[in-house]
Amino acid sequence: MTTSMTATGPGWLFVPADRPERYGKAIEAADLAIIDLEDAVRPEDKDTARELLVTSPLDPQRVCVRINGFDTAHVASDLDAVRERGITRVMVPMAEADHPFESLTGLEVIALIETARGVIEADRIAAHQQVSALALGSADLALNLRIRSTGNSTMPASDPLAYARTRILYAARACGLSVIDSVHSTVDDDSGLRGEADAAAAQGFDGKLAIHPRQIDPIRSAFAPRAEELDWAQSVMSEARSRSTGAFVLDGELVDEVIIRRAEMLLAHGN
């Protein structure tokens, strides 16, 4: 079993690798800044972007780099730049089980699931020793599935992206990994973002990808335990400490070891 990555919070923000003036702002705003060498950079600008990554001031411990896919001519140069800069986290796009994750020894790998095959193989991807987190890339996945619209308001409850989230969540948890929800692609849609983030938090995800700094605070708010949840957890733990028996009833609810562990989890997330 692999181990979960050491990211510090739920808001993970993409920043184009060829825009180094944005690195500092992204690092300051987000829990993890993802410097993007893939989709955010044109093919003719890849070399310049790598040079900027290597030479620009940044804290290697506060960033991750989305490298280009294993099937591209860019991946070797991307990894050279990552290692030269002392960065220890990479995000692998279009992740599938037969990708050579073993070539990423010494790096924490976030496997970005963006294809139907990747979804089906999520458990095998999560089992790779180098993989420490799974993330969902819904835009590319929707394209791969030929979905005509990704708007949650028009999708039926059984939409295929919901299936992908569930499968990725199970695969990650079975291997003890972190699991991160996809971006909300509309920057000024605060209610839509909050709805997605609330749902992801309720479903058990650890965080959500973002494309703009203004999205980070709503994501953090959604993933933070609510005040009433923390009050409940405090009551459970206080009562548990005062009793010498295992299970007990509190405010009409049976409290046993599972409920106590849930209270402990909420309090840990609230700190």
Protein backbone atom coordinates (compact mmCIF):
# COMPACT_ATOMS: atom_id res chain seq x y z
CA MET A 1 0.00 0.00 0.00
CA THR A 2 1.27 3.48 -0.86
CA THR A 3 0.98 6.46 1.45
CA SER A 4 -1.04 9.63 1.09
CA MET A 5 0.74 12.78 0.04
CA THR A 6 1.63 15.57 2.43
CA ALA A 7 -0.37 18.43 0.89
CA THR A 8 -1.44 21.02 3.43
CA GLY A 9 -5.05 21.76 2.52
CA PRO A 10 -7.97 21.50 0.10
CA GLY A 11 -7.33 24.35 -2.38
CA TRP A 12 -4.98 23.34 -5.22
CA LEU A 13 -4.39 26.11 -7.78
CA PHE A 14 -3.09 25.79 -11.35
CA VAL A 15 -0.71 28.48 -12.63
CA PRO A 16 0.80 28.51 -16.15
CA ALA A 17 4.51 27.66 -16.13
CA ASP A 18 5.26 30.42 -18.64
CA ARG A 19 3.80 33.08 -16.30
CA PRO A 20 6.40 33.22 -13.51
CA GLU A 21 5.04 36.56 -12.28
CA ARG A 22 2.05 34.55 -11.07
CA TYR A 23 4.01 31.89 -9.17
CA GLY A 24 4.27 33.87 -5.95
CA LYS A 25 0.61 34.88 -5.98
CA ALA A 26 -0.49 31.28 -6.53
CA ILE A 27 1.77 29.97 -3.76
CA GLU A 28 0.48 32.63 -1.38
CA ALA A 29 -3.18 32.04 -2.26
CA ALA A 30 -3.36 28.26 -2.42
CA ASP A 31 -2.64 25.27 -0.23
CA LEU A 32 -0.70 23.81 -3.15
CA ALA A 33 0.29 25.66 -6.35
CA ILE A 34 0.40 23.48 -9.46
CA ILE A 35 2.80 24.94 -12.02
CA ASP A 36 1.40 23.73 -15.33
CA LEU A 37 3.76 22.69 -18.13
CA GLU A 38 0.99 20.85 -19.97
CA ASP A 39 -2.33 22.35 -21.14
CA ALA A 40 -1.54 25.92 -20.06
CA VAL A 41 1.58 26.18 -22.25
CA ARG A 42 1.66 26.16 -26.06
CA PRO A 43 3.96 23.55 -27.67
CA GLU A 44 6.28 26.24 -29.02
CA ASP A 45 6.63 27.74 -25.52
CA LYS A 46 7.47 24.55 -23.60
CA ASP A 47 11.25 25.09 -23.59
CA THR A 48 10.88 28.66 -22.34
CA ALA A 49 8.43 27.55 -19.67
CA ARG A 50 10.84 24.93 -18.36
CA GLU A 51 13.66 27.49 -18.23
CA LEU A 52 11.44 29.88 -16.29
CA LEU A 53 10.50 27.11 -13.87
CA VAL A 54 14.16 26.38 -13.16
CA THR A 55 15.30 30.00 -12.81
CA SER A 56 12.36 31.69 -11.07
CA PRO A 57 12.29 32.10 -7.27
CA LEU A 58 9.88 29.73 -5.53
CA ASP A 59 9.68 27.38 -2.57
CA PRO A 60 9.95 23.84 -4.02
CA GLN A 61 8.02 22.46 -1.05
CA ARG A 62 4.97 24.62 -1.83
CA VAL A 63 4.50 23.57 -5.44
CA CYS A 64 3.69 20.68 -7.71
CA VAL A 65 4.43 20.56 -11.44
CA ARG A 66 1.97 19.18 -13.96
CA ILE A 67 4.27 17.58 -16.48
CA ASN A 68 3.35 16.66 -20.03
CA GLY A 69 2.03 13.18 -20.68
CA PHE A 70 4.17 10.07 -20.94
CA ASP A 71 3.20 9.80 -24.61
CA THR A 72 4.74 13.18 -25.50
CA ALA A 73 8.25 14.24 -26.45
CA HIS A 74 8.28 16.73 -23.56
CA VAL A 75 8.12 14.50 -20.50
CA ALA A 76 11.86 13.76 -20.15
CA SER A 77 12.77 17.46 -20.30
CA ASP A 78 9.97 18.27 -17.88
CA LEU A 79 11.33 15.79 -15.34
CA ASP A 80 14.85 17.09 -15.77
CA ALA A 81 13.62 20.60 -14.93
CA VAL A 82 11.63 19.35 -11.93
CA ARG A 83 14.60 17.52 -10.48
CA GLU A 84 17.03 20.36 -11.20
CA ARG A 85 14.75 22.75 -9.31
CA GLY A 86 14.43 20.39 -6.34
CA ILE A 87 10.66 20.00 -6.70
CA THR A 88 9.37 16.73 -5.26
CA ARG A 89 5.74 16.65 -6.46
CA VAL A 90 4.48 16.07 -10.00
CA MET A 91 1.03 15.69 -11.50
CA VAL A 92 0.80 13.15 -14.33
CA PRO A 93 -1.97 13.91 -16.85
CA MET A 94 -4.06 11.29 -18.64
CA ALA A 95 -2.91 8.72 -16.08
CA GLU A 96 -3.42 5.06 -16.97
CA ALA A 97 -2.19 1.89 -15.30
CA ASP A 98 0.50 0.98 -17.85
CA HIS A 99 2.29 4.32 -17.61
CA PRO A 100 5.91 4.04 -16.38
CA PHE A 101 5.36 5.45 -12.89
CA GLU A 102 8.49 3.60 -11.79
CA SER A 103 10.50 6.23 -13.69
CA LEU A 104 9.31 8.79 -11.12
CA THR A 105 11.18 7.32 -8.17
CA GLY A 106 11.78 9.91 -5.48
CA LEU A 107 8.78 12.02 -6.47
CA GLU A 108 5.30 12.28 -4.97
CA VAL A 109 2.93 11.61 -7.87
CA ILE A 110 -0.59 12.94 -8.27
CA ALA A 111 -2.23 10.81 -10.96
CA LEU A 112 -4.76 12.92 -12.88
CA ILE A 113 -7.55 10.65 -14.13
CA GLU A 114 -8.86 12.06 -17.42
CA THR A 115 -9.81 9.10 -19.61
CA ALA A 116 -12.37 6.31 -19.51
CA ARG A 117 -9.53 3.82 -19.33
CA GLY A 118 -8.01 5.72 -16.42
CA VAL A 119 -11.30 5.58 -14.52
CA ILE A 120 -11.66 1.83 -15.10
CA GLU A 121 -8.03 1.29 -14.05
CA ALA A 122 -8.12 3.66 -11.05
CA ASP A 123 -7.43 0.89 -8.55
CA ARG A 124 -4.35 -0.26 -10.50
CA ILE A 125 -3.09 3.33 -10.82
CA ALA A 126 -3.52 3.90 -7.09
CA ALA A 127 -1.55 0.72 -6.34
CA HIS A 128 1.64 2.06 -7.98
CA GLN A 129 4.25 2.72 -5.31
CA GLN A 130 5.04 6.21 -6.62
CA VAL A 131 1.41 7.41 -6.65
CA SER A 132 0.38 9.32 -3.53
CA ALA A 133 -2.88 10.94 -4.70
CA LEU A 134 -5.56 10.65 -7.36
CA ALA A 135 -7.27 13.66 -8.94
CA LEU A 136 -10.12 13.94 -11.41
CA GLY A 137 -9.79 15.86 -14.66
CA SER A 138 -13.42 16.23 -15.66
CA ALA A 139 -13.02 18.33 -18.83
CA ASP A 140 -10.79 15.87 -20.65
CA LEU A 141 -12.79 12.95 -19.29
CA ALA A 142 -16.04 14.46 -20.57
CA LEU A 143 -14.44 14.89 -23.99
CA ASN A 144 -13.18 11.31 -23.97
CA LEU A 145 -16.66 10.08 -23.06
CA ARG A 146 -18.26 12.33 -25.73
CA ILE A 147 -20.42 14.03 -23.13
CA ARG A 148 -22.11 17.03 -24.74
CA SER A 149 -22.47 19.10 -21.57
CA THR A 150 -20.76 19.08 -18.17
CA GLY A 151 -23.21 21.49 -16.52
CA ASN A 152 -24.35 19.93 -13.26
CA SER A 153 -27.75 21.60 -13.49
CA THR A 154 -28.64 19.70 -16.67
CA MET A 155 -27.04 16.33 -15.86
CA PRO A 156 -29.15 13.46 -14.51
CA ALA A 157 -28.24 12.11 -11.10
CA SER A 158 -26.64 9.06 -12.72
CA ASP A 159 -24.27 11.07 -14.92
CA PRO A 160 -21.02 9.34 -15.91
CA LEU A 161 -18.84 11.89 -14.13
CA ALA A 162 -20.51 10.94 -10.85
CA TYR A 163 -19.51 7.33 -11.56
CA ALA A 164 -15.91 8.47 -12.18
CA ARG A 165 -15.81 10.36 -8.87
CA THR A 166 -17.09 7.33 -6.99
CA ARG A 167 -14.65 4.93 -8.60
CA ILE A 168 -11.67 7.23 -8.03
CA LEU A 169 -12.69 7.81 -4.42
CA TYR A 170 -12.90 4.08 -3.71
CA ALA A 171 -9.57 3.39 -5.45
CA ALA A 172 -7.78 6.12 -3.51
CA ARG A 173 -9.16 5.15 -0.12
CA ALA A 174 -8.42 1.44 -0.71
CA CYS A 175 -4.75 2.38 -1.10
CA GLY A 176 -4.66 5.04 1.61
CA LEU A 177 -4.26 7.94 -0.84
CA SER A 178 -5.53 11.50 -1.00
CA VAL A 179 -8.22 12.20 -3.62
CA ILE A 180 -8.88 15.58 -5.23
CA ASP A 181 -11.93 16.76 -7.18
CA SER A 182 -11.74 18.46 -10.59
CA VAL A 183 -11.77 22.18 -11.40
CA HIS A 184 -14.87 24.31 -11.72
CA SER A 185 -14.08 25.94 -15.05
CA THR A 186 -16.25 29.09 -14.72
CA VAL A 187 -14.27 31.65 -12.73
CA ASP A 188 -17.13 33.98 -11.77
CA ASP A 189 -19.70 31.28 -10.89
CA ASP A 190 -19.41 31.40 -7.11
CA SER A 191 -22.60 29.48 -6.40
CA GLY A 192 -21.71 26.72 -8.86
CA LEU A 193 -18.23 26.41 -7.39
CA ARG A 194 -19.56 26.26 -3.84
CA GLY A 195 -22.12 23.62 -4.83
CA GLU A 196 -19.45 21.43 -6.40
CA ALA A 197 -17.05 21.92 -3.49
CA ASP A 198 -19.76 21.20 -0.91
CA ALA A 199 -20.65 17.98 -2.74
CA ALA A 200 -17.01 16.89 -3.03
CA ALA A 201 -16.40 17.51 0.68
CA ALA A 202 -19.56 15.63 1.66
CA GLN A 203 -18.56 12.71 -0.57
CA GLY A 204 -15.21 12.37 1.19
CA PHE A 205 -12.77 14.11 -1.16
CA ASP A 206 -9.78 15.86 0.37
CA GLY A 207 -9.74 18.95 -1.84
CA LYS A 208 -10.53 20.52 -5.17
CA LEU A 209 -8.51 21.87 -8.09
CA ALA A 210 -8.86 25.55 -8.97
CA ILE A 211 -7.97 27.80 -11.90
CA HIS A 212 -8.17 31.22 -10.21
CA PRO A 213 -7.11 32.53 -6.78
CA ARG A 214 -10.64 33.74 -6.04
CA GLN A 215 -11.79 30.11 -6.01
CA ILE A 216 -9.53 29.09 -3.13
CA ASP A 217 -11.44 30.62 -0.20
CA PRO A 218 -14.81 29.11 -1.23
CA ILE A 219 -13.11 25.73 -1.58
CA ARG A 220 -11.50 26.02 1.85
CA SER A 221 -14.81 27.08 3.35
CA ALA A 222 -16.62 24.11 1.82
CA PHE A 223 -14.09 21.60 3.12
CA ALA A 224 -13.88 23.06 6.62
CA PRO A 225 -16.19 21.40 9.17
CA ARG A 226 -19.25 23.50 9.98
CA ALA A 227 -19.62 24.99 13.44
CA GLU A 228 -22.45 22.63 14.34
CA GLU A 229 -20.34 19.64 13.28
CA LEU A 230 -17.49 20.77 15.52
CA ASP A 231 -19.90 21.34 18.43
CA TRP A 232 -21.26 17.81 17.97
CA ALA A 233 -17.76 16.35 17.80
CA GLN A 234 -16.68 18.21 20.94
CA SER A 235 -19.74 16.90 22.79
CA VAL A 236 -19.04 13.33 21.69
CA MET A 237 -15.39 13.47 22.76
CA SER A 238 -16.17 15.17 26.06
CA GLU A 239 -18.79 12.55 26.89
CA ALA A 240 -16.53 9.70 25.75
CA ARG A 241 -13.74 10.86 28.06
CA SER A 242 -16.13 10.99 31.01
CA ARG A 243 -17.37 7.40 30.61
CA SER A 244 -15.75 4.10 31.46
CA THR A 245 -17.98 2.08 29.11
CA GLY A 246 -17.64 1.68 25.33
CA ALA A 247 -20.93 2.53 23.63
CA PHE A 248 -23.32 5.11 25.09
CA VAL A 249 -26.30 7.23 24.05
CA LEU A 250 -25.86 10.99 23.56
CA ASP A 251 -28.83 13.18 22.64
CA GLY A 252 -30.65 10.09 21.38
CA GLU A 253 -27.76 8.89 19.20
CA LEU A 254 -25.84 5.68 19.85
CA VAL A 255 -22.16 6.56 20.13
CA ASP A 256 -19.66 3.74 19.62
CA GLU A 257 -16.05 3.49 18.43
CA VAL A 258 -16.91 4.38 14.80
CA ILE A 259 -18.79 7.53 15.84
CA ILE A 260 -15.93 8.54 18.14
CA ARG A 261 -13.43 8.17 15.27
CA ARG A 262 -15.67 10.35 13.08
CA ALA A 263 -15.72 13.01 15.79
CA GLU A 264 -11.93 12.83 16.04
CA MET A 265 -11.65 13.24 12.26
CA LEU A 266 -13.87 16.34 12.28
CA LEU A 267 -11.89 17.94 15.07
CA ALA A 268 -8.62 17.22 13.29
CA HIS A 269 -9.95 18.88 10.11
CA GLY A 270 -11.19 21.83 12.12
CA ASN A 271 -7.74 22.68 13.47
